[in-house]
Amino acid sequence: MQSTHSELGPVRYNAAEEAFEATVTFTTAEGSIRRPAQYAAPLNAPDALVQRGLIAAAEIQDAKNTGLKSTVCAKSDRDGADDAETGFDLFEKTRNFFDFVRNKAA
């Protein structure tokens, strides 16, 4: 992964695990990748250390391709289709599916 930018989400402290947790978002040429991260450290650890630790933990997970991962692909040209048309098409397909199921059950 060639990350051009990394962003740390809200940081929480998990007292049961004695670790900081956050979601790290990496921005790449292909889109955004979100990884949950956990960094074991005491509650009074310096903020900069915790931030570096969380980002490093997410980078390691991404390099090993383990754990949870969420991707948001960069927008592409879909033959001129806009989001409203795509949403309407999905709505129609969903409605047709439920009509089909309802007719099968009857």
N, C-alpha and C. Protein backbone atom coordinates (compact mmCIF):
# COMPACT_ATOMS: atom_id res chain seq x y z
N MET A 1 0.85 -1.18 0.00
CA MET A 1 0.00 0.00 0.00
C MET A 1 0.89 1.24 0.00
N GLN A 2 0.64 2.12 -0.92
CA GLN A 2 1.33 3.40 -0.96
C GLN A 2 0.39 4.45 -0.41
N SER A 3 0.54 4.74 0.86
CA SER A 3 -0.33 5.71 1.51
C SER A 3 0.18 7.12 1.25
N THR A 4 -0.74 8.00 0.88
CA THR A 4 -0.35 9.39 0.68
C THR A 4 -0.68 10.23 1.91
N HIS A 5 -1.58 9.69 2.76
CA HIS A 5 -2.01 10.44 3.93
C HIS A 5 -2.62 9.45 4.92
N SER A 6 -2.37 9.63 6.20
CA SER A 6 -3.03 8.80 7.21
C SER A 6 -3.71 9.70 8.22
N GLU A 7 -4.90 9.29 8.63
CA GLU A 7 -5.70 10.09 9.56
C GLU A 7 -6.19 9.20 10.69
N LEU A 8 -6.07 9.70 11.89
CA LEU A 8 -6.47 8.96 13.08
C LEU A 8 -7.87 9.40 13.50
N GLY A 9 -8.76 8.42 13.70
CA GLY A 9 -10.11 8.73 14.18
C GLY A 9 -10.08 8.99 15.68
N PRO A 10 -11.24 9.09 16.30
CA PRO A 10 -11.29 9.32 17.75
C PRO A 10 -10.56 8.22 18.51
N VAL A 11 -9.73 8.62 19.46
CA VAL A 11 -8.93 7.68 20.24
C VAL A 11 -9.65 7.41 21.56
N ARG A 12 -9.75 6.12 21.91
CA ARG A 12 -10.37 5.71 23.18
C ARG A 12 -9.36 4.88 23.96
N TYR A 13 -9.55 4.85 25.27
CA TYR A 13 -8.72 3.99 26.10
C TYR A 13 -9.56 2.84 26.59
N ASN A 14 -9.13 1.62 26.31
CA ASN A 14 -9.81 0.41 26.75
C ASN A 14 -9.11 -0.05 28.03
N ALA A 15 -9.73 0.22 29.17
CA ALA A 15 -9.11 -0.10 30.46
C ALA A 15 -8.95 -1.60 30.66
N ALA A 16 -9.89 -2.38 30.14
CA ALA A 16 -9.81 -3.84 30.29
C ALA A 16 -8.59 -4.40 29.56
N GLU A 17 -8.28 -3.84 28.41
CA GLU A 17 -7.13 -4.30 27.62
C GLU A 17 -5.87 -3.50 27.93
N GLU A 18 -6.02 -2.41 28.67
CA GLU A 18 -4.92 -1.48 28.96
C GLU A 18 -4.26 -1.04 27.65
N ALA A 19 -5.10 -0.58 26.73
CA ALA A 19 -4.61 -0.19 25.40
C ALA A 19 -5.48 0.92 24.82
N PHE A 20 -4.86 1.71 23.97
CA PHE A 20 -5.58 2.74 23.23
C PHE A 20 -6.11 2.11 21.94
N GLU A 21 -7.28 2.59 21.49
CA GLU A 21 -7.89 2.07 20.27
C GLU A 21 -8.38 3.22 19.40
N ALA A 22 -8.28 3.03 18.10
CA ALA A 22 -8.77 4.04 17.16
C ALA A 22 -8.89 3.40 15.78
N THR A 23 -9.56 4.10 14.90
CA THR A 23 -9.62 3.70 13.50
C THR A 23 -8.66 4.60 12.73
N VAL A 24 -7.81 3.99 11.93
CA VAL A 24 -6.84 4.73 11.12
C VAL A 24 -7.29 4.66 9.67
N THR A 25 -7.36 5.81 9.02
CA THR A 25 -7.75 5.88 7.61
C THR A 25 -6.53 6.24 6.78
N PHE A 26 -6.20 5.37 5.83
CA PHE A 26 -5.11 5.62 4.90
C PHE A 26 -5.71 6.06 3.58
N THR A 27 -5.23 7.16 3.02
CA THR A 27 -5.68 7.61 1.71
C THR A 27 -4.65 7.18 0.68
N THR A 28 -5.10 6.43 -0.31
CA THR A 28 -4.22 5.93 -1.37
C THR A 28 -4.77 6.37 -2.72
N ALA A 29 -4.05 6.06 -3.77
CA ALA A 29 -4.51 6.40 -5.12
C ALA A 29 -5.79 5.64 -5.47
N GLU A 30 -5.97 4.45 -4.89
CA GLU A 30 -7.15 3.63 -5.17
C GLU A 30 -8.36 4.04 -4.35
N GLY A 31 -8.17 4.79 -3.29
CA GLY A 31 -9.26 5.19 -2.40
C GLY A 31 -8.81 5.16 -0.95
N SER A 32 -9.77 5.15 -0.04
CA SER A 32 -9.47 5.15 1.40
C SER A 32 -9.54 3.74 1.96
N ILE A 33 -8.64 3.45 2.89
CA ILE A 33 -8.63 2.17 3.60
C ILE A 33 -8.69 2.47 5.08
N ARG A 34 -9.64 1.85 5.78
CA ARG A 34 -9.77 2.04 7.22
C ARG A 34 -9.38 0.76 7.93
N ARG A 35 -8.57 0.91 8.97
CA ARG A 35 -8.13 -0.22 9.77
C ARG A 35 -8.32 0.10 11.25
N PRO A 36 -8.88 -0.82 12.02
CA PRO A 36 -8.91 -0.60 13.46
C PRO A 36 -7.51 -0.85 14.01
N ALA A 37 -7.13 -0.10 15.02
CA ALA A 37 -5.79 -0.26 15.59
C ALA A 37 -5.87 -0.25 17.11
N GLN A 38 -4.95 -0.99 17.71
CA GLN A 38 -4.85 -1.03 19.16
C GLN A 38 -3.37 -0.90 19.53
N TYR A 39 -3.11 -0.07 20.54
CA TYR A 39 -1.73 0.15 20.98
C TYR A 39 -1.70 0.06 22.50
N ALA A 40 -0.99 -0.94 23.01
CA ALA A 40 -0.89 -1.15 24.46
C ALA A 40 0.04 -0.10 25.07
N ALA A 41 -0.51 0.68 25.99
CA ALA A 41 0.26 1.72 26.67
C ALA A 41 -0.54 2.15 27.91
N PRO A 42 0.16 2.70 28.91
CA PRO A 42 -0.57 3.18 30.09
C PRO A 42 -1.41 4.41 29.74
N LEU A 43 -2.39 4.69 30.57
CA LEU A 43 -3.30 5.80 30.33
C LEU A 43 -2.58 7.14 30.26
N ASN A 44 -1.46 7.27 30.97
CA ASN A 44 -0.73 8.54 31.00
C ASN A 44 0.37 8.62 29.93
N ALA A 45 0.31 7.78 28.92
CA ALA A 45 1.32 7.81 27.84
C ALA A 45 1.17 9.11 27.04
N PRO A 46 2.29 9.65 26.55
CA PRO A 46 2.23 10.88 25.75
C PRO A 46 1.39 10.70 24.48
N ASP A 47 0.64 11.73 24.13
CA ASP A 47 -0.24 11.67 22.96
C ASP A 47 0.51 11.32 21.68
N ALA A 48 1.65 11.93 21.47
CA ALA A 48 2.41 11.68 20.23
C ALA A 48 2.82 10.21 20.13
N LEU A 49 3.21 9.61 21.25
CA LEU A 49 3.61 8.21 21.26
C LEU A 49 2.41 7.32 20.92
N VAL A 50 1.27 7.62 21.50
CA VAL A 50 0.06 6.84 21.25
C VAL A 50 -0.35 6.95 19.79
N GLN A 51 -0.32 8.16 19.24
CA GLN A 51 -0.70 8.35 17.84
C GLN A 51 0.22 7.58 16.90
N ARG A 52 1.53 7.67 17.13
CA ARG A 52 2.49 6.93 16.29
C ARG A 52 2.27 5.43 16.43
N GLY A 53 2.02 4.98 17.66
CA GLY A 53 1.80 3.55 17.90
C GLY A 53 0.56 3.02 17.21
N LEU A 54 -0.52 3.79 17.24
CA LEU A 54 -1.76 3.37 16.58
C LEU A 54 -1.59 3.31 15.06
N ILE A 55 -0.95 4.31 14.50
CA ILE A 55 -0.73 4.33 13.05
C ILE A 55 0.19 3.18 12.64
N ALA A 56 1.23 2.94 13.43
CA ALA A 56 2.15 1.84 13.12
C ALA A 56 1.44 0.49 13.21
N ALA A 57 0.58 0.32 14.21
CA ALA A 57 -0.17 -0.94 14.35
C ALA A 57 -1.07 -1.17 13.14
N ALA A 58 -1.72 -0.12 12.67
CA ALA A 58 -2.58 -0.25 11.49
C ALA A 58 -1.75 -0.54 10.24
N GLU A 59 -0.59 0.09 10.11
CA GLU A 59 0.28 -0.17 8.96
C GLU A 59 0.76 -1.61 8.95
N ILE A 60 1.10 -2.14 10.12
CA ILE A 60 1.55 -3.53 10.22
C ILE A 60 0.42 -4.47 9.82
N GLN A 61 -0.79 -4.20 10.31
CA GLN A 61 -1.95 -5.02 9.93
C GLN A 61 -2.16 -4.98 8.42
N ASP A 62 -2.01 -3.82 7.83
CA ASP A 62 -2.23 -3.69 6.40
C ASP A 62 -1.14 -4.42 5.61
N ALA A 63 0.10 -4.33 6.07
CA ALA A 63 1.20 -5.00 5.39
C ALA A 63 1.04 -6.52 5.44
N LYS A 64 0.56 -7.02 6.58
CA LYS A 64 0.35 -8.47 6.73
C LYS A 64 -0.99 -8.91 6.13
N ASN A 65 -1.85 -7.93 5.81
CA ASN A 65 -3.19 -8.19 5.29
C ASN A 65 -4.00 -9.05 6.25
N THR A 66 -3.97 -8.68 7.54
CA THR A 66 -4.72 -9.40 8.56
C THR A 66 -5.73 -8.46 9.20
N GLY A 67 -6.67 -9.01 9.90
CA GLY A 67 -7.63 -8.21 10.64
C GLY A 67 -8.70 -7.58 9.76
N LEU A 68 -9.49 -6.73 10.38
CA LEU A 68 -10.58 -6.06 9.68
C LEU A 68 -10.05 -4.96 8.77
N LYS A 69 -10.78 -4.74 7.68
CA LYS A 69 -10.37 -3.71 6.73
C LYS A 69 -11.61 -3.20 6.01
N SER A 70 -11.72 -1.91 5.88
CA SER A 70 -12.83 -1.29 5.16
C SER A 70 -12.23 -0.43 4.06
N THR A 71 -12.75 -0.57 2.85
CA THR A 71 -12.23 0.23 1.74
C THR A 71 -13.33 1.07 1.13
N VAL A 72 -12.96 2.25 0.70
CA VAL A 72 -13.85 3.13 -0.05
C VAL A 72 -13.11 3.45 -1.33
N CYS A 73 -13.60 2.92 -2.44
CA CYS A 73 -12.93 3.11 -3.72
C CYS A 73 -13.09 4.55 -4.20
N ALA A 74 -12.08 5.00 -4.90
CA ALA A 74 -12.14 6.33 -5.49
C ALA A 74 -13.23 6.35 -6.55
N LYS A 75 -13.86 7.52 -6.72
CA LYS A 75 -14.93 7.63 -7.72
C LYS A 75 -14.36 7.40 -9.11
N SER A 76 -15.13 6.68 -9.91
CA SER A 76 -14.73 6.44 -11.30
C SER A 76 -15.86 6.85 -12.21
N ASP A 77 -15.56 6.98 -13.48
CA ASP A 77 -16.60 7.30 -14.45
C ASP A 77 -17.40 6.03 -14.72
N ARG A 78 -18.67 6.06 -14.38
CA ARG A 78 -19.54 4.89 -14.58
C ARG A 78 -20.47 5.18 -15.76
N ASP A 79 -19.90 5.46 -16.90
CA ASP A 79 -20.68 5.77 -18.10
C ASP A 79 -21.65 6.91 -17.85
N GLY A 80 -21.23 7.89 -17.09
CA GLY A 80 -22.05 9.07 -16.86
C GLY A 80 -23.14 8.88 -15.83
N ALA A 81 -23.24 7.73 -15.19
CA ALA A 81 -24.29 7.51 -14.19
C ALA A 81 -23.96 8.31 -12.95
N ASP A 82 -24.95 9.01 -12.43
CA ASP A 82 -24.71 9.74 -11.19
C ASP A 82 -25.25 8.92 -10.02
N ASP A 83 -24.97 9.39 -8.80
CA ASP A 83 -25.34 8.65 -7.61
C ASP A 83 -26.86 8.51 -7.47
N ALA A 84 -27.62 9.50 -7.90
CA ALA A 84 -29.07 9.42 -7.79
C ALA A 84 -29.62 8.30 -8.67
N GLU A 85 -29.08 8.18 -9.89
CA GLU A 85 -29.53 7.10 -10.77
C GLU A 85 -29.17 5.75 -10.21
N THR A 86 -27.97 5.62 -9.67
CA THR A 86 -27.53 4.36 -9.09
C THR A 86 -28.40 3.98 -7.91
N GLY A 87 -28.70 4.94 -7.05
CA GLY A 87 -29.55 4.67 -5.89
C GLY A 87 -30.95 4.27 -6.31
N PHE A 88 -31.51 4.92 -7.32
CA PHE A 88 -32.84 4.58 -7.80
C PHE A 88 -32.84 3.18 -8.38
N ASP A 89 -31.81 2.83 -9.15
CA ASP A 89 -31.71 1.50 -9.73
C ASP A 89 -31.66 0.44 -8.63
N LEU A 90 -30.90 0.69 -7.58
CA LEU A 90 -30.80 -0.24 -6.46
C LEU A 90 -32.16 -0.38 -5.77
N PHE A 91 -32.86 0.73 -5.61
CA PHE A 91 -34.18 0.70 -5.00
C PHE A 91 -35.13 -0.16 -5.83
N GLU A 92 -35.11 0.03 -7.14
CA GLU A 92 -35.98 -0.76 -8.02
C GLU A 92 -35.66 -2.25 -7.94
N LYS A 93 -34.39 -2.59 -7.95
CA LYS A 93 -33.99 -4.00 -7.87
C LYS A 93 -34.42 -4.61 -6.55
N THR A 94 -34.28 -3.87 -5.46
CA THR A 94 -34.69 -4.37 -4.15
C THR A 94 -36.19 -4.57 -4.10
N ARG A 95 -36.95 -3.61 -4.61
CA ARG A 95 -38.40 -3.72 -4.62
C ARG A 95 -38.84 -4.92 -5.47
N ASN A 96 -38.21 -5.12 -6.62
CA ASN A 96 -38.54 -6.27 -7.47
C ASN A 96 -38.23 -7.59 -6.77
N PHE A 97 -37.14 -7.63 -6.03
CA PHE A 97 -36.78 -8.84 -5.30
C PHE A 97 -37.84 -9.18 -4.26
N PHE A 98 -38.26 -8.19 -3.48
CA PHE A 98 -39.27 -8.46 -2.45
C PHE A 98 -40.62 -8.80 -3.07
N ASP A 99 -40.96 -8.22 -4.20
CA ASP A 99 -42.18 -8.61 -4.91
C ASP A 99 -42.10 -10.07 -5.33
N PHE A 100 -40.95 -10.48 -5.82
CA PHE A 100 -40.74 -11.87 -6.23
C PHE A 100 -40.90 -12.81 -5.04
N VAL A 101 -40.28 -12.48 -3.91
CA VAL A 101 -40.36 -13.32 -2.71
C VAL A 101 -41.81 -13.39 -2.22
N ARG A 102 -42.50 -12.27 -2.22
CA ARG A 102 -43.88 -12.23 -1.76
C ARG A 102 -44.76 -13.11 -2.65
N ASN A 103 -44.54 -13.07 -3.95
CA ASN A 103 -45.33 -13.90 -4.88
C ASN A 103 -45.03 -15.38 -4.70
N LYS A 104 -43.78 -15.73 -4.40
CA LYS A 104 -43.41 -17.13 -4.18
C LYS A 104 -44.07 -17.67 -2.92
N ALA A 105 -44.17 -16.83 -1.88
CA ALA A 105 -44.74 -17.26 -0.60
C ALA A 105 -46.25 -17.44 -0.70
N ALA A 106 -46.88 -16.73 -1.61
CA ALA A 106 -48.35 -16.78 -1.72
C ALA A 106 -48.84 -18.03 -2.41
